[in-house]
C-alpha atoms as a PDB file:
ATOM      1  CA  MET A   1      -0.204 -19.649 -90.325  1.00  0.00           C
ATOM      2  CA  GLU A   2      -2.654 -19.625 -87.573  1.00  0.00           C
ATOM      3  CA  ASN A   3       0.167 -19.747 -85.054  1.00  0.00           C
ATOM      4  CA  ASN A   4       1.713 -16.649 -86.567  1.00  0.00           C
ATOM      5  CA  ASP A   5      -1.463 -14.625 -85.980  1.00  0.00           C
ATOM      6  CA  GLN A   6      -0.978 -15.196 -82.289  1.00  0.00           C
ATOM      7  CA  TYR A   7       2.304 -13.269 -82.234  1.00  0.00           C
ATOM      8  CA  ARG A   8       1.383 -10.699 -84.814  1.00  0.00           C
ATOM      9  CA  ASN A   9       0.975  -7.076 -83.767  1.00  0.00           C
ATOM     10  CA  MET A  10      -2.475  -5.573 -84.132  1.00  0.00           C
ATOM     11  CA  THR A  11      -3.534  -1.985 -83.987  1.00  0.00           C
ATOM     12  CA  LEU A  12      -6.099  -0.686 -81.562  1.00  0.00           C
ATOM     13  CA  SER A  13      -7.478   2.747 -82.115  1.00  0.00           C
ATOM     14  CA  LEU A  14      -8.257   5.287 -79.513  1.00  0.00           C
ATOM     15  CA  LYS A  15      -9.920   8.621 -79.997  1.00  0.00           C
ATOM     16  CA  VAL A  16      -8.528  11.445 -77.848  1.00  0.00           C
ATOM     17  CA  THR A  17      -8.180  15.194 -78.148  1.00  0.00           C
ATOM     18  CA  ALA A  18      -4.912  16.773 -79.247  1.00  0.00           C
ATOM     19  CA  SER A  19      -4.149  18.002 -75.711  1.00  0.00           C
ATOM     20  CA  GLN A  20      -4.833  14.538 -74.282  1.00  0.00           C
ATOM     21  CA  LYS A  21      -2.507  12.945 -76.871  1.00  0.00           C
ATOM     22  CA  ALA A  22       0.223  15.460 -76.048  1.00  0.00           C
ATOM     23  CA  GLY A  23      -0.147  14.654 -72.334  1.00  0.00           C
ATOM     24  CA  TYR A  24       0.001  10.899 -72.990  1.00  0.00           C
ATOM     25  CA  VAL A  25       3.077  11.256 -75.224  1.00  0.00           C
ATOM     26  CA  LYS A  26       4.778  13.327 -72.541  1.00  0.00           C
ATOM     27  CA  ILE A  27       4.055  10.695 -69.837  1.00  0.00           C
ATOM     28  CA  ALA A  28       5.273   7.849 -72.090  1.00  0.00           C
ATOM     29  CA  SER A  29       8.498   9.648 -73.057  1.00  0.00           C
ATOM     30  CA  SER A  30       9.223  10.459 -69.348  1.00  0.00           C
ATOM     31  CA  LEU A  31       9.107   6.677 -68.741  1.00  0.00           C
ATOM     32  CA  ASN A  32      11.311   5.979 -71.826  1.00  0.00           C
ATOM     33  CA  LEU A  33       8.424   4.149 -73.514  1.00  0.00           C
ATOM     34  CA  THR A  34       6.652   4.617 -76.787  1.00  0.00           C
ATOM     35  CA  LEU A  35       3.075   5.752 -76.632  1.00  0.00           C
ATOM     36  CA  SER A  36       1.914   2.317 -77.791  1.00  0.00           C
ATOM     37  CA  GLU A  37       3.967   0.505 -75.118  1.00  0.00           C
ATOM     38  CA  TRP A  38       2.679   2.795 -72.392  1.00  0.00           C
ATOM     39  CA  LEU A  39      -0.977   2.458 -73.495  1.00  0.00           C
ATOM     40  CA  SER A  40      -0.603  -1.315 -73.774  1.00  0.00           C
ATOM     41  CA  SER A  41       0.778  -1.536 -70.230  1.00  0.00           C
ATOM     42  CA  ILE A  42      -2.030   0.668 -68.904  1.00  0.00           C
ATOM     43  CA  ILE A  43      -4.646  -1.527 -70.596  1.00  0.00           C
ATOM     44  CA  GLU A  44      -2.950  -4.710 -69.351  1.00  0.00           C
ATOM     45  CA  MET A  45      -2.818  -3.428 -65.745  1.00  0.00           C
ATOM     46  CA  ASN A  46      -6.487  -2.452 -65.748  1.00  0.00           C
ATOM     47  CA  LYS A  47      -8.100  -5.089 -67.998  1.00  0.00           C
ATOM     48  CA  ASN A  48      -9.913  -6.811 -65.113  1.00  0.00           C
ATOM     49  CA  SER A  49     -10.766  -3.751 -63.055  1.00  0.00           C
ATOM     50  CA  TYR A  50     -13.438  -2.101 -65.191  1.00  0.00           C
ATOM     51  CA  GLU A  51     -16.309  -3.922 -63.461  1.00  0.00           C
ATOM     52  CA  LYS A  52     -14.835  -3.005 -60.079  1.00  0.00           C
ATOM     53  CA  PHE A  53     -14.409   0.671 -60.896  1.00  0.00           C
ATOM     54  CA  GLY A  54     -15.707   2.782 -58.021  1.00  0.00           C
ATOM     55  CA  GLU A  55     -15.766  -0.149 -55.611  1.00  0.00           C
ATOM     56  CA  PRO A  56     -13.543   0.249 -52.583  1.00  0.00           C
ATOM     57  CA  THR A  57     -10.327  -1.729 -52.429  1.00  0.00           C
ATOM     58  CA  LYS A  58      -9.610  -4.192 -49.619  1.00  0.00           C
ATOM     59  CA  ASN A  59      -7.457  -1.561 -47.919  1.00  0.00           C
ATOM     60  CA  GLU A  60     -10.195   1.051 -48.269  1.00  0.00           C
ATOM     61  CA  THR A  61     -12.751  -1.405 -46.834  1.00  0.00           C
ATOM     62  CA  LYS A  62     -10.434  -2.206 -43.934  1.00  0.00           C
ATOM     63  CA  LEU A  63      -9.878   1.512 -43.250  1.00  0.00           C
ATOM     64  CA  LYS A  64     -13.627   2.151 -43.459  1.00  0.00           C
ATOM     65  CA  ASP A  65     -14.242  -0.596 -40.882  1.00  0.00           C
ATOM     66  CA  GLU A  66     -11.548   0.864 -38.625  1.00  0.00           C
ATOM     67  CA  ILE A  67     -13.109   4.324 -38.962  1.00  0.00           C
ATOM     68  CA  GLY A  68     -16.521   2.854 -38.077  1.00  0.00           C
ATOM     69  CA  GLN A  69     -15.031   1.153 -35.009  1.00  0.00           C
ATOM     70  CA  LEU A  70     -13.302   4.384 -33.974  1.00  0.00           C
ATOM     71  CA  LYS A  71     -16.584   6.280 -34.383  1.00  0.00           C
ATOM     72  CA  ASN A  72     -18.299   3.703 -32.148  1.00  0.00           C
ATOM     73  CA  ASP A  73     -15.499   4.040 -29.591  1.00  0.00           C
ATOM     74  CA  ILE A  74     -15.831   7.830 -29.681  1.00  0.00           C
ATOM     75  CA  GLN A  75     -19.598   7.585 -29.197  1.00  0.00           C
ATOM     76  CA  ASN A  76     -19.132   5.162 -26.294  1.00  0.00           C
ATOM     77  CA  LEU A  77     -16.632   7.538 -24.698  1.00  0.00           C
ATOM     78  CA  LYS A  78     -19.032  10.450 -25.188  1.00  0.00           C
ATOM     79  CA  ASN A  79     -21.798   8.417 -23.516  1.00  0.00           C
ATOM     80  CA  LYS A  80     -19.486   7.542 -20.622  1.00  0.00           C
ATOM     81  CA  LEU A  81     -18.536  11.208 -20.291  1.00  0.00           C
ATOM     82  CA  ILE A  82     -22.206  12.219 -20.177  1.00  0.00           C
ATOM     83  CA  ILE A  83     -22.879   9.573 -17.509  1.00  0.00           C
ATOM     84  CA  ALA A  84     -19.819  10.692 -15.529  1.00  0.00           C
ATOM     85  CA  GLU A  85     -20.947  14.333 -15.698  1.00  0.00           C
ATOM     86  CA  GLU A  86     -24.443  13.352 -14.542  1.00  0.00           C
ATOM     87  CA  LEU A  87     -22.995  11.325 -11.656  1.00  0.00           C
ATOM     88  CA  LYS A  88     -20.755  14.263 -10.780  1.00  0.00           C
ATOM     89  CA  ALA A  89     -23.769  16.591 -10.736  1.00  0.00           C
ATOM     90  CA  ILE A  90     -25.678  14.142  -8.537  1.00  0.00           C
ATOM     91  CA  GLU A  91     -22.693  13.825  -6.211  1.00  0.00           C
ATOM     92  CA  LEU A  92     -22.272  17.604  -6.047  1.00  0.00           C
ATOM     93  CA  LYS A  93     -25.971  17.970  -5.260  1.00  0.00           C
ATOM     94  CA  SER A  94     -25.677  15.251  -2.602  1.00  0.00           C
ATOM     95  CA  ASN A  95     -22.616  16.966  -1.165  1.00  0.00           C
ATOM     96  CA  LEU A  96     -24.484  20.283  -1.072  1.00  0.00           C
ATOM     97  CA  GLU A  97     -27.437  18.639   0.682  1.00  0.00           C
ATOM     98  CA  LEU A  98     -25.037  16.928   3.076  1.00  0.00           C
ATOM     99  CA  ARG A  99     -23.337  20.251   3.811  1.00  0.00           C
ATOM    100  CA  GLN A 100     -26.739  21.807   4.511  1.00  0.00           C
ATOM    101  CA  VAL A 101     -27.573  18.952   6.893  1.00  0.00           C
ATOM    102  CA  VAL A 102     -24.191  19.352   8.585  1.00  0.00           C
ATOM    103  CA  VAL A 103     -24.768  23.100   8.950  1.00  0.00           C
ATOM    104  CA  GLU A 104     -28.251  22.485  10.367  1.00  0.00           C
ATOM    105  CA  ARG A 105     -26.949  19.820  12.743  1.00  0.00           C
ATOM    106  CA  THR A 106     -24.069  22.056  13.766  1.00  0.00           C
ATOM    107  CA  TYR A 107     -26.485  24.892  14.482  1.00  0.00           C
ATOM    108  CA  TYR A 108     -28.805  22.492  16.341  1.00  0.00           C
ATOM    109  CA  GLY A 109     -25.814  21.035  18.211  1.00  0.00           C
ATOM    110  CA  LYS A 110     -24.648  24.489  19.271  1.00  0.00           C
ATOM    111  CA  ALA A 111     -28.161  25.350  20.440  1.00  0.00           C
ATOM    112  CA  MET A 112     -28.351  22.075  22.378  1.00  0.00           C
ATOM    113  CA  LYS A 113     -24.898  22.756  23.889  1.00  0.00           C
ATOM    114  CA  ARG A 114     -26.088  26.171  25.085  1.00  0.00           C
ATOM    115  CA  LYS A 115     -29.188  24.548  26.613  1.00  0.00           C
ATOM    116  CA  TYR A 116     -27.058  21.813  28.157  1.00  0.00           C
ATOM    117  CA  ASP A 117     -24.688  24.402  29.627  1.00  0.00           C
ATOM    118  CA  ALA A 118     -27.657  26.383  31.008  1.00  0.00           C
ATOM    119  CA  ILE A 119     -29.226  23.238  32.494  1.00  0.00           C
ATOM    120  CA  ASN A 120     -25.865  22.151  33.881  1.00  0.00           C
ATOM    121  CA  ALA A 121     -25.370  25.597  35.471  1.00  0.00           C
ATOM    122  CA  ALA A 122     -28.887  25.419  36.948  1.00  0.00           C
ATOM    123  CA  PHE A 123     -28.146  21.911  38.216  1.00  0.00           C
ATOM    124  CA  GLU A 124     -24.891  23.088  39.786  1.00  0.00           C
ATOM    125  CA  SER A 125     -26.771  25.954  41.435  1.00  0.00           C
ATOM    126  CA  LEU A 126     -29.507  23.612  42.713  1.00  0.00           C
ATOM    127  CA  ASN A 127     -26.891  21.125  43.851  1.00  0.00           C
ATOM    128  CA  SER A 128     -25.104  23.878  45.729  1.00  0.00           C
ATOM    129  CA  SER A 129     -28.402  24.979  47.265  1.00  0.00           C
ATOM    130  CA  TYR A 130     -29.164  21.354  48.181  1.00  0.00           C
ATOM    131  CA  GLU A 131     -25.756  20.998  49.826  1.00  0.00           C
ATOM    132  CA  ASN A 132     -26.438  24.202  51.822  1.00  0.00           C
ATOM    133  CA  VAL A 133     -29.837  22.876  52.902  1.00  0.00           C
ATOM    134  CA  CYS A 134     -28.282  19.543  53.924  1.00  0.00           C
ATOM    135  CA  LYS A 135     -25.583  21.376  55.873  1.00  0.00           C
ATOM    136  CA  ASN A 136     -28.232  23.479  57.574  1.00  0.00           C
ATOM    137  CA  ILE A 137     -30.214  20.364  58.467  1.00  0.00           C
ATOM    138  CA  ASP A 138     -27.092  18.732  59.876  1.00  0.00           C
ATOM    139  CA  ASP A 139     -26.309  21.879  61.884  1.00  0.00           C
ATOM    140  CA  PHE A 140     -29.870  22.004  63.170  1.00  0.00           C
ATOM    141  CA  ALA A 141     -29.739  18.300  64.103  1.00  0.00           C
ATOM    142  CA  GLU A 142     -26.515  18.862  66.012  1.00  0.00           C
ATOM    143  CA  LYS A 143     -28.046  21.763  67.875  1.00  0.00           C
ATOM    144  CA  GLN A 144     -30.909  19.491  68.866  1.00  0.00           C
ATOM    145  CA  ASP A 145     -28.383  17.016  70.273  1.00  0.00           C
ATOM    146  CA  ASP A 146     -26.722  19.838  72.193  1.00  0.00           C
ATOM    147  CA  GLY A 147     -29.858  20.491  74.138  1.00  0.00           C
ATOM    148  CA  PHE A 148     -31.463  23.116  71.980  1.00  0.00           C
ATOM    149  CA  LEU A 149     -34.736  21.328  71.437  1.00  0.00           C
ATOM    150  CA  PHE A 150     -36.900  23.190  69.075  1.00  0.00           C
ATOM    151  CA  PHE A 151     -38.761  20.126  68.011  1.00  0.00           C
ATOM    152  CA  SER A 152     -38.729  17.947  71.039  1.00  0.00           C
ATOM    153  CA  SER A 153     -40.381  14.979  69.365  1.00  0.00           C
ATOM    154  CA  PHE A 154     -37.646  14.626  66.704  1.00  0.00           C
ATOM    155  CA  LYS A 155     -34.309  13.054  67.292  1.00  0.00           C
ATOM    156  CA  SER A 156     -31.227  14.102  65.373  1.00  0.00           C
ATOM    157  CA  ASP A 157     -31.277  10.929  63.190  1.00  0.00           C
ATOM    158  CA  GLU A 158     -34.843  11.616  62.213  1.00  0.00           C
ATOM    159  CA  ILE A 159     -33.986  15.200  61.362  1.00  0.00           C
ATOM    160  CA  LYS A 160     -31.029  14.087  59.258  1.00  0.00           C
ATOM    161  CA  SER A 161     -33.256  11.649  57.394  1.00  0.00           C
ATOM    162  CA  LEU A 162     -35.290  14.637  56.148  1.00  0.00           C
ATOM    163  CA  LYS A 163     -32.491  15.315  53.652  1.00  0.00           C
ATOM    164  CA  GLU A 164     -33.472  12.292  51.651  1.00  0.00           C
END
């Protein structure tokens, strides 16, 4: 007889409200099951999960880890963006300073060009005056050779050497 008790149906009781019972009956009938069959299957499916209730499933844990990794990636990208913006600001500041230096050097260069042109013009004028003086000395030396002796002690070569 003890073997028969193993296959014998037993009754489990469950206290629910009338609206809960109506909802459970409706679910069971939509699945073409009796209320007892449906409740038995629900209990059988969840008999080992009561201690784990509220704990995340493996899939939930995996998704949580992926979310954490994505959050780290986002933070790293934000940090890189901040660094890039700071480098951009430094580069813009450097470019501005460089432009200021270029403007100053351009202004200085233009001023030096004007001075160079003025000095070059003065040099050309002095050079022209020097050439006139040399020509005059040569003319004077030639006149001395022609017998017009203003300075009798100087020879024409000595007079021409005065140019140097």
